[in-house]
Amino acid sequence: MLRRLIARTFWAFSRWTLVTEPAPQRPTILIGAPHTSNWDFVYMLGIAWQLGIDARWLGKHTLFKGWAAPFFRAVGGIPVDRSNPRGIIDEVVRRVRAGEVFGLVITPDGTRSNKTGHWKSGFYRIAMETGIPVTLGYVDLTTKTTGLGPTLDLTGDVAADMDRIRAFYADKAGVRPELRVEPRLRDETGSYGTASAA
């Protein structure tokens, strides 16, 4: 209740408008894109709390050892050892199998200063190996709107799936449009695994 009250207050005073589809009723990977500003994290929390989504995000395990650890956990942080990608997927699978309903926030275009020109494929790998869908969250300076778009079940046809994602984000500018990265994986011809849990 407190989170929803905070979110309602935030949107009441924000210069941005929440325009969104309903929250998914099952675990989902919640894409945050285009990721071009520190404000993106605030907007995603505002969206999740307004819609009653239990938002989770993956953070380097060292973040959860200092004085700020209680705060990071309180806003949905999950400590992970990034040197063990298999462990990240196993942790998500464990939570899905335990019956948790959550939105795992991932920013596939990486850091706000991404110089690679493409998205990271981690979100796709996790979706395929866990069997959970992908919900397209967005921030668009052009219309001063933010929210959730469609929820997609990925098919394993990487190019076709990414075409659907590109179509949605084609007119989304981000807070700083000059830092926007086109939704494109380095390799859209390969295989990223199959669902092992749902």
Protein backbone atom coordinates (compact mmCIF):
# COMPACT_ATOMS: atom_id res chain seq x y z
CA MET A 1 0.00 0.00 0.00
CA LEU A 2 2.81 2.41 0.86
CA ARG A 3 4.53 1.78 -2.47
CA ARG A 4 1.33 2.45 -4.40
CA LEU A 5 0.74 5.66 -2.43
CA ILE A 6 4.28 6.82 -3.20
CA ALA A 7 3.75 6.00 -6.89
CA ARG A 8 0.43 7.85 -7.07
CA THR A 9 2.00 10.91 -5.50
CA PHE A 10 4.94 10.73 -7.90
CA TRP A 11 2.73 10.54 -11.00
CA ALA A 12 0.45 13.29 -9.71
CA PHE A 13 3.36 15.73 -9.62
CA SER A 14 5.44 14.37 -12.51
CA ARG A 15 5.66 16.20 -15.82
CA TRP A 16 5.51 12.76 -17.44
CA THR A 17 2.29 10.85 -18.07
CA LEU A 18 1.84 7.16 -17.32
CA VAL A 19 0.37 5.47 -20.41
CA THR A 20 0.41 1.75 -19.94
CA GLU A 21 -1.09 -1.62 -20.62
CA PRO A 22 -2.23 -3.67 -17.59
CA ALA A 23 0.38 -5.42 -15.50
CA PRO A 24 1.08 -9.05 -16.45
CA GLN A 25 -0.39 -11.58 -14.03
CA ARG A 26 2.57 -13.95 -14.29
CA PRO A 27 6.34 -13.64 -13.88
CA THR A 28 7.85 -11.57 -16.65
CA ILE A 29 11.08 -9.98 -17.77
CA LEU A 30 10.38 -6.26 -17.67
CA ILE A 31 12.49 -4.51 -20.33
CA GLY A 32 13.51 -0.96 -19.47
CA ALA A 33 14.35 0.89 -22.68
CA PRO A 34 15.66 3.11 -24.07
CA HIS A 35 18.01 3.35 -21.07
CA THR A 36 19.54 6.81 -21.43
CA SER A 37 19.23 8.45 -17.99
CA ASN A 38 19.38 7.84 -14.25
CA TRP A 39 15.70 8.81 -14.23
CA ASP A 40 14.87 5.53 -15.99
CA PHE A 41 15.21 3.64 -12.71
CA VAL A 42 12.82 6.05 -10.96
CA TYR A 43 10.25 5.76 -13.75
CA MET A 44 10.40 1.97 -13.76
CA LEU A 45 9.87 1.84 -10.01
CA GLY A 46 6.99 4.30 -10.37
CA ILE A 47 5.39 2.15 -13.08
CA ALA A 48 5.83 -1.07 -11.13
CA TRP A 49 4.57 0.33 -7.83
CA GLN A 50 1.57 2.01 -9.47
CA LEU A 51 0.56 -1.26 -11.17
CA GLY A 52 1.27 -3.43 -8.14
CA ILE A 53 4.16 -5.29 -9.79
CA ASP A 54 6.75 -6.83 -7.49
CA ALA A 55 9.72 -5.39 -9.39
CA ARG A 56 13.07 -7.14 -9.04
CA TRP A 57 16.41 -6.21 -10.58
CA LEU A 58 19.79 -7.88 -10.71
CA GLY A 59 22.71 -6.08 -9.10
CA LYS A 60 26.36 -6.91 -8.58
CA HIS A 61 26.64 -8.77 -5.27
CA THR A 62 29.11 -6.24 -3.89
CA LEU A 63 26.35 -3.59 -3.87
CA PHE A 64 24.61 -5.55 -1.13
CA LYS A 65 27.48 -5.53 1.35
CA GLY A 66 27.68 -1.82 2.23
CA TRP A 67 25.54 0.65 4.11
CA ALA A 68 23.09 0.93 1.19
CA ALA A 69 22.37 -2.83 1.07
CA PRO A 70 19.04 -2.60 2.99
CA PHE A 71 17.79 0.08 0.57
CA PHE A 72 18.76 -1.90 -2.52
CA ARG A 73 16.97 -4.98 -1.18
CA ALA A 74 13.91 -2.92 -0.22
CA VAL A 75 13.50 -1.68 -3.80
CA GLY A 76 13.77 -5.16 -5.29
CA GLY A 77 17.47 -5.78 -5.72
CA ILE A 78 18.71 -9.35 -6.13
CA PRO A 79 22.46 -9.80 -5.55
CA VAL A 80 24.17 -11.88 -8.24
CA ASP A 81 27.69 -12.94 -9.08
CA ARG A 82 28.04 -11.74 -12.66
CA SER A 83 31.02 -14.03 -13.19
CA ASN A 84 28.52 -16.92 -13.08
CA PRO A 85 25.82 -16.29 -15.74
CA ARG A 86 24.41 -19.79 -15.18
CA GLY A 87 23.76 -18.87 -11.56
CA ILE A 88 21.65 -15.87 -12.60
CA ILE A 89 19.37 -18.04 -14.72
CA ASP A 90 19.16 -20.70 -11.99
CA GLU A 91 18.09 -18.05 -9.47
CA VAL A 92 15.30 -16.81 -11.74
CA VAL A 93 14.16 -20.38 -12.41
CA ARG A 94 14.10 -21.11 -8.66
CA ARG A 95 11.87 -18.09 -8.00
CA VAL A 96 9.50 -18.97 -10.85
CA ARG A 97 9.17 -22.56 -9.63
CA ALA A 98 8.51 -21.29 -6.11
CA GLY A 99 5.43 -19.53 -7.45
CA GLU A 100 6.67 -15.95 -7.20
CA VAL A 101 4.99 -13.41 -9.49
CA PHE A 102 7.41 -10.61 -10.26
CA GLY A 103 8.76 -8.36 -12.96
CA LEU A 104 12.51 -8.82 -13.46
CA VAL A 105 13.71 -5.43 -14.70
CA ILE A 106 16.50 -5.66 -17.28
CA THR A 107 18.02 -2.87 -19.37
CA PRO A 108 19.40 -4.79 -22.37
CA ASP A 109 20.99 -1.74 -23.94
CA GLY A 110 23.34 -1.84 -20.96
CA THR A 111 24.87 1.31 -19.51
CA ARG A 112 23.71 4.77 -20.48
CA SER A 113 26.98 5.23 -22.40
CA ASN A 114 26.73 2.01 -24.43
CA LYS A 115 29.22 2.26 -27.28
CA THR A 116 28.60 -1.19 -28.74
CA GLY A 117 25.55 -0.18 -30.77
CA HIS A 118 23.55 -3.26 -29.84
CA TRP A 119 21.55 -4.82 -27.00
CA LYS A 120 22.90 -7.52 -24.71
CA SER A 121 21.25 -10.90 -25.21
CA GLY A 122 20.88 -11.82 -21.52
CA PHE A 123 17.17 -10.98 -21.39
CA TYR A 124 16.52 -13.27 -24.36
CA ARG A 125 18.52 -16.14 -22.87
CA ILE A 126 16.74 -15.87 -19.52
CA ALA A 127 13.32 -15.72 -21.20
CA MET A 128 13.98 -18.79 -23.33
CA GLU A 129 15.50 -20.85 -20.51
CA THR A 130 12.81 -19.98 -17.95
CA GLY A 131 9.81 -19.89 -20.28
CA ILE A 132 8.65 -16.51 -18.94
CA PRO A 133 7.54 -13.73 -21.30
CA VAL A 134 9.03 -10.31 -21.97
CA THR A 135 7.11 -7.11 -21.17
CA LEU A 136 8.24 -4.01 -23.05
CA GLY A 137 8.61 -1.04 -20.72
CA TYR A 138 9.40 2.33 -22.27
CA VAL A 139 10.30 5.98 -21.73
CA ASP A 140 9.54 8.42 -24.55
CA LEU A 141 10.63 12.06 -24.43
CA THR A 142 8.75 12.87 -27.65
CA THR A 143 5.36 12.36 -26.00
CA LYS A 144 6.54 12.72 -22.36
CA THR A 145 4.96 9.33 -21.66
CA THR A 146 6.19 6.18 -19.98
CA GLY A 147 4.66 2.82 -19.14
CA LEU A 148 4.34 -0.77 -20.24
CA GLY A 149 3.72 -1.98 -23.76
CA PRO A 150 2.79 -5.50 -24.84
CA THR A 151 3.90 -8.72 -23.16
CA LEU A 152 5.51 -11.09 -25.66
CA ASP A 153 6.17 -14.81 -25.53
CA LEU A 154 9.46 -15.27 -27.35
CA THR A 155 9.47 -17.96 -30.03
CA GLY A 156 13.15 -18.82 -30.41
CA ASP A 157 13.16 -17.21 -33.86
CA VAL A 158 15.52 -14.47 -32.72
CA ALA A 159 15.27 -12.25 -35.80
CA ALA A 160 11.46 -12.37 -35.85
CA ASP A 161 11.21 -11.72 -32.11
CA MET A 162 13.60 -8.79 -32.34
CA ASP A 163 11.65 -7.38 -35.29
CA ARG A 164 8.57 -7.24 -33.02
CA ILE A 165 10.59 -5.55 -30.30
CA ARG A 166 12.13 -3.08 -32.77
CA ALA A 167 8.69 -2.19 -34.12
CA PHE A 168 7.48 -1.26 -30.63
CA TYR A 169 10.53 0.86 -29.76
CA ALA A 170 10.87 2.48 -33.20
CA ASP A 171 9.23 5.73 -32.04
CA LYS A 172 10.47 5.69 -28.42
CA ALA A 173 13.20 8.27 -27.81
CA GLY A 174 14.25 7.84 -24.17
CA VAL A 175 15.01 10.75 -21.83
CA ARG A 176 18.18 11.58 -23.78
CA PRO A 177 17.50 10.61 -27.41
CA GLU A 178 21.12 11.07 -28.46
CA LEU A 179 22.08 8.08 -26.29
CA ARG A 180 19.40 5.73 -27.63
CA VAL A 181 20.57 2.32 -28.85
CA GLU A 182 18.65 0.47 -31.57
CA PRO A 183 17.10 -2.79 -30.27
CA ARG A 184 19.42 -5.19 -32.07
CA LEU A 185 21.42 -8.15 -30.78
CA ARG A 186 24.99 -8.72 -31.89
CA ASP A 187 23.90 -12.07 -33.33
CA GLU A 188 20.28 -12.57 -34.36
CA THR A 189 20.91 -15.82 -36.20
CA GLY A 190 21.88 -18.04 -33.26
CA SER A 191 19.97 -20.11 -30.72
CA TYR A 192 19.44 -18.93 -27.15
CA GLY A 193 18.14 -22.05 -25.48
CA THR A 194 14.69 -23.44 -24.80
CA ALA A 195 12.26 -23.05 -21.97
CA SER A 196 12.99 -25.19 -18.92
CA ALA A 197 10.45 -23.75 -16.50
CA ALA A 198 7.20 -21.84 -16.66
